[in-house]
N, C-alpha and C. Protein backbone atom coordinates (compact mmCIF):
# COMPACT_ATOMS: atom_id res chain seq x y z
N UNK A 1 -0.29 11.46 10.72
CA UNK A 1 -0.28 10.25 9.93
C UNK A 1 -0.39 10.60 8.44
N UNK A 2 0.22 9.78 7.63
CA UNK A 2 0.17 9.92 6.18
C UNK A 2 -0.42 8.62 5.64
N UNK A 3 -1.61 8.70 5.07
CA UNK A 3 -2.37 7.51 4.68
C UNK A 3 -2.54 7.47 3.17
N UNK A 4 -2.27 6.31 2.60
CA UNK A 4 -2.42 6.11 1.16
C UNK A 4 -3.31 4.89 0.94
N UNK A 5 -4.24 5.02 0.02
CA UNK A 5 -5.09 3.91 -0.39
C UNK A 5 -4.91 3.71 -1.88
N UNK A 6 -4.33 2.59 -2.26
CA UNK A 6 -4.08 2.26 -3.66
C UNK A 6 -5.05 1.17 -4.11
N UNK A 7 -5.61 1.34 -5.27
CA UNK A 7 -6.44 0.31 -5.89
C UNK A 7 -5.75 -0.06 -7.20
N UNK A 8 -5.37 -1.32 -7.32
CA UNK A 8 -4.59 -1.80 -8.45
C UNK A 8 -5.34 -2.94 -9.14
N UNK A 9 -5.43 -2.88 -10.45
CA UNK A 9 -5.99 -4.00 -11.21
C UNK A 9 -4.80 -4.81 -11.74
N UNK A 10 -4.75 -6.07 -11.33
CA UNK A 10 -3.63 -6.95 -11.68
C UNK A 10 -4.02 -7.79 -12.90
N UNK A 11 -3.09 -7.94 -13.80
CA UNK A 11 -3.33 -8.77 -14.99
C UNK A 11 -3.53 -10.22 -14.55
N UNK A 12 -4.50 -10.87 -15.17
CA UNK A 12 -4.86 -12.23 -14.77
C UNK A 12 -3.68 -13.18 -14.78
N UNK A 13 -2.85 -13.10 -15.80
CA UNK A 13 -1.73 -14.03 -15.92
C UNK A 13 -0.64 -13.80 -14.86
N UNK A 14 -0.71 -12.70 -14.15
CA UNK A 14 0.31 -12.38 -13.14
C UNK A 14 -0.23 -12.34 -11.72
N UNK A 15 -1.48 -12.73 -11.53
CA UNK A 15 -2.12 -12.58 -10.22
C UNK A 15 -1.38 -13.34 -9.12
N UNK A 16 -1.05 -14.60 -9.34
CA UNK A 16 -0.37 -15.38 -8.29
C UNK A 16 0.98 -14.78 -7.94
N UNK A 17 1.75 -14.39 -8.95
CA UNK A 17 3.07 -13.76 -8.71
C UNK A 17 2.89 -12.45 -7.96
N UNK A 18 1.90 -11.66 -8.37
CA UNK A 18 1.68 -10.37 -7.75
C UNK A 18 1.32 -10.55 -6.27
N UNK A 19 0.39 -11.46 -5.98
CA UNK A 19 -0.05 -11.65 -4.59
C UNK A 19 1.09 -12.13 -3.70
N UNK A 20 1.91 -13.03 -4.21
CA UNK A 20 3.06 -13.50 -3.43
C UNK A 20 4.05 -12.35 -3.20
N UNK A 21 4.31 -11.59 -4.25
CA UNK A 21 5.26 -10.49 -4.14
C UNK A 21 4.76 -9.35 -3.27
N UNK A 22 3.49 -9.00 -3.42
CA UNK A 22 2.97 -7.88 -2.63
C UNK A 22 2.84 -8.26 -1.16
N UNK A 23 2.63 -9.53 -0.88
CA UNK A 23 2.60 -9.99 0.52
C UNK A 23 3.98 -9.81 1.15
N UNK A 24 5.02 -10.20 0.44
CA UNK A 24 6.38 -10.00 0.96
C UNK A 24 6.70 -8.51 1.07
N UNK A 25 6.28 -7.75 0.08
CA UNK A 25 6.51 -6.30 0.10
C UNK A 25 5.83 -5.68 1.33
N UNK A 26 4.63 -6.12 1.64
CA UNK A 26 3.91 -5.60 2.81
C UNK A 26 4.65 -5.96 4.10
N UNK A 27 5.18 -7.19 4.17
CA UNK A 27 5.95 -7.59 5.37
C UNK A 27 7.19 -6.71 5.52
N UNK A 28 7.89 -6.49 4.42
CA UNK A 28 9.08 -5.62 4.47
C UNK A 28 8.70 -4.20 4.87
N UNK A 29 7.63 -3.69 4.28
CA UNK A 29 7.19 -2.32 4.57
C UNK A 29 6.78 -2.17 6.02
N UNK A 30 6.08 -3.16 6.54
CA UNK A 30 5.62 -3.11 7.94
C UNK A 30 6.77 -3.06 8.93
N UNK A 31 7.92 -3.55 8.53
CA UNK A 31 9.10 -3.55 9.42
C UNK A 31 9.83 -2.21 9.43
N UNK A 32 9.47 -1.30 8.54
CA UNK A 32 10.13 0.02 8.51
C UNK A 32 9.77 0.80 9.77
N UNK A 33 10.71 1.58 10.30
CA UNK A 33 10.42 2.35 11.51
C UNK A 33 9.30 3.38 11.33
N UNK A 34 9.11 3.91 10.12
CA UNK A 34 8.09 4.93 9.90
C UNK A 34 6.75 4.40 9.45
N UNK A 35 6.63 3.07 9.30
CA UNK A 35 5.37 2.47 8.84
C UNK A 35 4.52 2.09 10.04
N UNK A 36 3.30 2.60 10.08
CA UNK A 36 2.37 2.29 11.16
C UNK A 36 1.59 1.02 10.83
N UNK A 37 1.15 0.89 9.56
CA UNK A 37 0.48 -0.33 9.11
C UNK A 37 0.54 -0.40 7.59
N UNK A 38 0.51 -1.62 7.08
CA UNK A 38 0.55 -1.84 5.64
C UNK A 38 -0.28 -3.08 5.38
N UNK A 39 -1.44 -2.90 4.78
CA UNK A 39 -2.38 -4.00 4.58
C UNK A 39 -2.64 -4.22 3.10
N UNK A 40 -2.84 -5.48 2.74
CA UNK A 40 -3.15 -5.87 1.37
C UNK A 40 -4.50 -6.59 1.39
N UNK A 41 -5.41 -6.16 0.52
CA UNK A 41 -6.74 -6.75 0.42
C UNK A 41 -7.08 -6.94 -1.04
N UNK A 42 -8.08 -7.77 -1.31
CA UNK A 42 -8.58 -7.85 -2.68
C UNK A 42 -10.10 -7.82 -2.65
N UNK A 43 -10.65 -7.41 -3.76
CA UNK A 43 -12.10 -7.30 -3.92
C UNK A 43 -12.70 -8.70 -3.86
N UNK A 44 -13.76 -8.88 -3.09
CA UNK A 44 -14.36 -10.20 -2.93
C UNK A 44 -15.06 -10.69 -4.19
N UNK A 45 -15.44 -9.79 -5.07
CA UNK A 45 -16.08 -10.21 -6.31
C UNK A 45 -15.12 -10.24 -7.49
N UNK A 46 -13.98 -9.58 -7.37
CA UNK A 46 -12.98 -9.58 -8.42
C UNK A 46 -11.60 -9.61 -7.79
N UNK A 47 -11.01 -10.80 -7.64
CA UNK A 47 -9.72 -10.90 -6.96
C UNK A 47 -8.57 -10.23 -7.70
N UNK A 48 -8.81 -9.75 -8.91
CA UNK A 48 -7.78 -9.03 -9.66
C UNK A 48 -7.67 -7.57 -9.22
N UNK A 49 -8.60 -7.14 -8.39
CA UNK A 49 -8.55 -5.80 -7.81
C UNK A 49 -7.90 -5.94 -6.43
N UNK A 50 -6.70 -5.39 -6.30
CA UNK A 50 -5.94 -5.47 -5.06
C UNK A 50 -5.85 -4.06 -4.48
N UNK A 51 -6.10 -3.97 -3.19
CA UNK A 51 -6.06 -2.68 -2.51
C UNK A 51 -4.94 -2.69 -1.47
N UNK A 52 -4.18 -1.62 -1.44
CA UNK A 52 -3.14 -1.44 -0.45
C UNK A 52 -3.54 -0.29 0.46
N UNK A 53 -3.54 -0.54 1.75
CA UNK A 53 -3.83 0.48 2.74
C UNK A 53 -2.53 0.71 3.51
N UNK A 54 -1.92 1.86 3.28
CA UNK A 54 -0.60 2.16 3.82
C UNK A 54 -0.70 3.35 4.77
N UNK A 55 -0.20 3.17 5.96
CA UNK A 55 -0.21 4.26 6.94
C UNK A 55 1.23 4.47 7.42
N UNK A 56 1.72 5.67 7.21
CA UNK A 56 3.07 6.05 7.64
C UNK A 56 2.98 7.13 8.69
N UNK A 57 4.00 7.21 9.50
CA UNK A 57 4.04 8.20 10.58
C UNK A 57 3.82 9.61 10.05
N UNK A 58 4.43 9.91 8.90
CA UNK A 58 4.29 11.22 8.27
C UNK A 58 4.72 11.09 6.81
N UNK A 59 4.62 12.18 6.07
CA UNK A 59 4.96 12.16 4.65
C UNK A 59 6.45 11.83 4.44
N UNK A 60 7.28 12.30 5.33
CA UNK A 60 8.71 12.02 5.23
C UNK A 60 8.98 10.51 5.31
N UNK A 61 8.28 9.83 6.21
CA UNK A 61 8.45 8.37 6.35
C UNK A 61 8.01 7.66 5.07
N UNK A 62 6.95 8.17 4.43
CA UNK A 62 6.51 7.58 3.15
C UNK A 62 7.58 7.76 2.09
N UNK A 63 8.16 8.95 2.00
CA UNK A 63 9.20 9.19 0.99
C UNK A 63 10.43 8.33 1.28
N UNK A 64 10.76 8.12 2.54
CA UNK A 64 11.86 7.22 2.91
C UNK A 64 11.54 5.80 2.45
N UNK A 65 10.30 5.37 2.61
CA UNK A 65 9.83 4.04 2.18
C UNK A 65 10.19 3.79 0.72
N UNK A 66 10.04 4.80 -0.09
CA UNK A 66 10.29 4.66 -1.53
C UNK A 66 11.78 4.58 -1.88
N UNK A 67 12.66 4.78 -0.91
CA UNK A 67 14.10 4.72 -1.17
C UNK A 67 14.70 3.35 -0.87
N UNK A 68 13.97 2.50 -0.16
CA UNK A 68 14.51 1.20 0.23
C UNK A 68 14.70 0.31 -1.00
N UNK A 69 15.75 -0.51 -0.96
CA UNK A 69 16.04 -1.42 -2.07
C UNK A 69 14.88 -2.36 -2.35
N UNK A 70 14.24 -2.90 -1.29
CA UNK A 70 13.14 -3.85 -1.52
C UNK A 70 11.97 -3.18 -2.23
N UNK A 71 11.72 -1.89 -1.94
CA UNK A 71 10.65 -1.15 -2.61
C UNK A 71 10.96 -1.02 -4.10
N UNK A 72 12.16 -0.56 -4.39
CA UNK A 72 12.54 -0.35 -5.79
C UNK A 72 12.55 -1.67 -6.56
N UNK A 73 13.01 -2.75 -5.94
CA UNK A 73 13.01 -4.06 -6.60
C UNK A 73 11.57 -4.52 -6.86
N UNK A 74 10.69 -4.33 -5.89
CA UNK A 74 9.28 -4.73 -6.06
C UNK A 74 8.63 -3.95 -7.20
N UNK A 75 8.85 -2.66 -7.22
CA UNK A 75 8.24 -1.84 -8.28
C UNK A 75 8.76 -2.24 -9.65
N UNK A 76 10.03 -2.53 -9.74
CA UNK A 76 10.61 -2.96 -11.03
C UNK A 76 10.07 -4.33 -11.44
N UNK A 77 10.06 -5.28 -10.50
CA UNK A 77 9.60 -6.64 -10.81
C UNK A 77 8.12 -6.68 -11.18
N UNK A 78 7.30 -5.86 -10.55
CA UNK A 78 5.85 -5.96 -10.73
C UNK A 78 5.27 -4.96 -11.72
N UNK A 79 6.09 -4.11 -12.30
CA UNK A 79 5.56 -3.01 -13.13
C UNK A 79 4.72 -3.49 -14.31
N UNK A 80 5.01 -4.64 -14.87
CA UNK A 80 4.24 -5.13 -16.01
C UNK A 80 3.11 -6.06 -15.61
N UNK A 81 2.92 -6.25 -14.32
CA UNK A 81 1.87 -7.13 -13.83
C UNK A 81 0.58 -6.37 -13.55
N UNK A 82 0.61 -5.08 -13.67
CA UNK A 82 -0.54 -4.23 -13.34
C UNK A 82 -1.11 -3.60 -14.60
N UNK A 83 -2.40 -3.34 -14.56
CA UNK A 83 -3.02 -2.52 -15.60
C UNK A 83 -2.84 -1.08 -15.14
N UNK A 84 -1.83 -0.41 -15.64
CA UNK A 84 -1.49 0.92 -15.14
C UNK A 84 -2.61 1.94 -15.37
N UNK A 85 -3.40 1.75 -16.41
CA UNK A 85 -4.49 2.70 -16.68
C UNK A 85 -5.62 2.58 -15.67
N UNK A 86 -5.65 1.49 -14.90
CA UNK A 86 -6.72 1.29 -13.92
C UNK A 86 -6.28 1.56 -12.49
N UNK A 87 -5.07 2.04 -12.31
CA UNK A 87 -4.55 2.30 -10.96
C UNK A 87 -5.18 3.57 -10.40
N UNK A 88 -5.61 3.47 -9.16
CA UNK A 88 -6.17 4.63 -8.47
C UNK A 88 -5.41 4.77 -7.16
N UNK A 89 -4.91 5.96 -6.90
CA UNK A 89 -4.15 6.22 -5.67
C UNK A 89 -4.72 7.45 -5.00
N UNK A 90 -5.02 7.31 -3.72
CA UNK A 90 -5.54 8.42 -2.93
C UNK A 90 -4.67 8.62 -1.70
N UNK A 91 -4.34 9.84 -1.40
CA UNK A 91 -3.73 10.19 -0.13
C UNK A 91 -4.88 10.72 0.73
N UNK A 92 -5.05 10.15 1.91
CA UNK A 92 -6.22 10.44 2.74
C UNK A 92 -5.83 11.16 4.03
N UNK A 93 -6.78 11.90 4.56
CA UNK A 93 -6.62 12.54 5.86
C UNK A 93 -7.79 12.09 6.73
N UNK A 94 -7.56 11.94 8.01
CA UNK A 94 -8.58 11.45 8.92
C UNK A 94 -9.67 12.48 9.17
N UNK A 95 -10.90 12.03 9.17
CA UNK A 95 -12.01 12.78 9.73
C UNK A 95 -12.20 12.31 11.16
N UNK A 96 -12.14 11.01 11.33
CA UNK A 96 -12.17 10.41 12.66
C UNK A 96 -11.29 9.18 12.62
N UNK A 97 -10.44 9.02 13.59
CA UNK A 97 -9.55 7.87 13.64
C UNK A 97 -8.64 7.96 14.83
N UNK A 98 -7.54 7.24 14.80
CA UNK A 98 -6.66 7.16 15.96
C UNK A 98 -6.16 8.51 16.44
N UNK A 99 -5.86 9.43 15.53
CA UNK A 99 -5.34 10.73 15.96
C UNK A 99 -6.37 11.50 16.77
N UNK A 100 -7.64 11.41 16.39
CA UNK A 100 -8.68 12.13 17.11
C UNK A 100 -8.92 11.50 18.48
N UNK A 101 -8.89 10.19 18.56
CA UNK A 101 -9.10 9.49 19.83
C UNK A 101 -7.94 9.80 20.77
N UNK A 102 -6.71 9.71 20.26
CA UNK A 102 -5.53 9.96 21.10
C UNK A 102 -5.47 11.39 21.62
N UNK A 103 -5.95 12.35 20.84
CA UNK A 103 -5.84 13.74 21.25
C UNK A 103 -7.07 14.22 22.01
N UNK A 104 -8.09 13.36 22.12
CA UNK A 104 -9.30 13.77 22.80
C UNK A 104 -10.31 14.44 21.90
N UNK A 105 -9.99 14.64 20.61
CA UNK A 105 -10.92 15.25 19.67
C UNK A 105 -11.98 14.23 19.29
N UNK A 106 -13.19 14.69 19.01
CA UNK A 106 -14.26 13.81 18.55
C UNK A 106 -15.15 14.50 17.57
């Protein structure tokens, strides 16, 4: 699995547009053959903090994700809606999760 956790601070004046767009983006992403899950959340105390939890079958599937027209259109449309200096992106590896359960590891 290839897991990405993005934390994005959205500009106040663009929050409604961003949430509508990122919801559609998540639906499109979830339909990709290499996408295992794609979730959108926001901070309960600051709704301008939006978190994306993206799980792809492997790194290749993630790179394929970035080639789709809907991905490129979303990134272009939303690029000025984010505080780019506050973006945090982590690529994560499991300590315990579905891969360990499926393989019998604990």
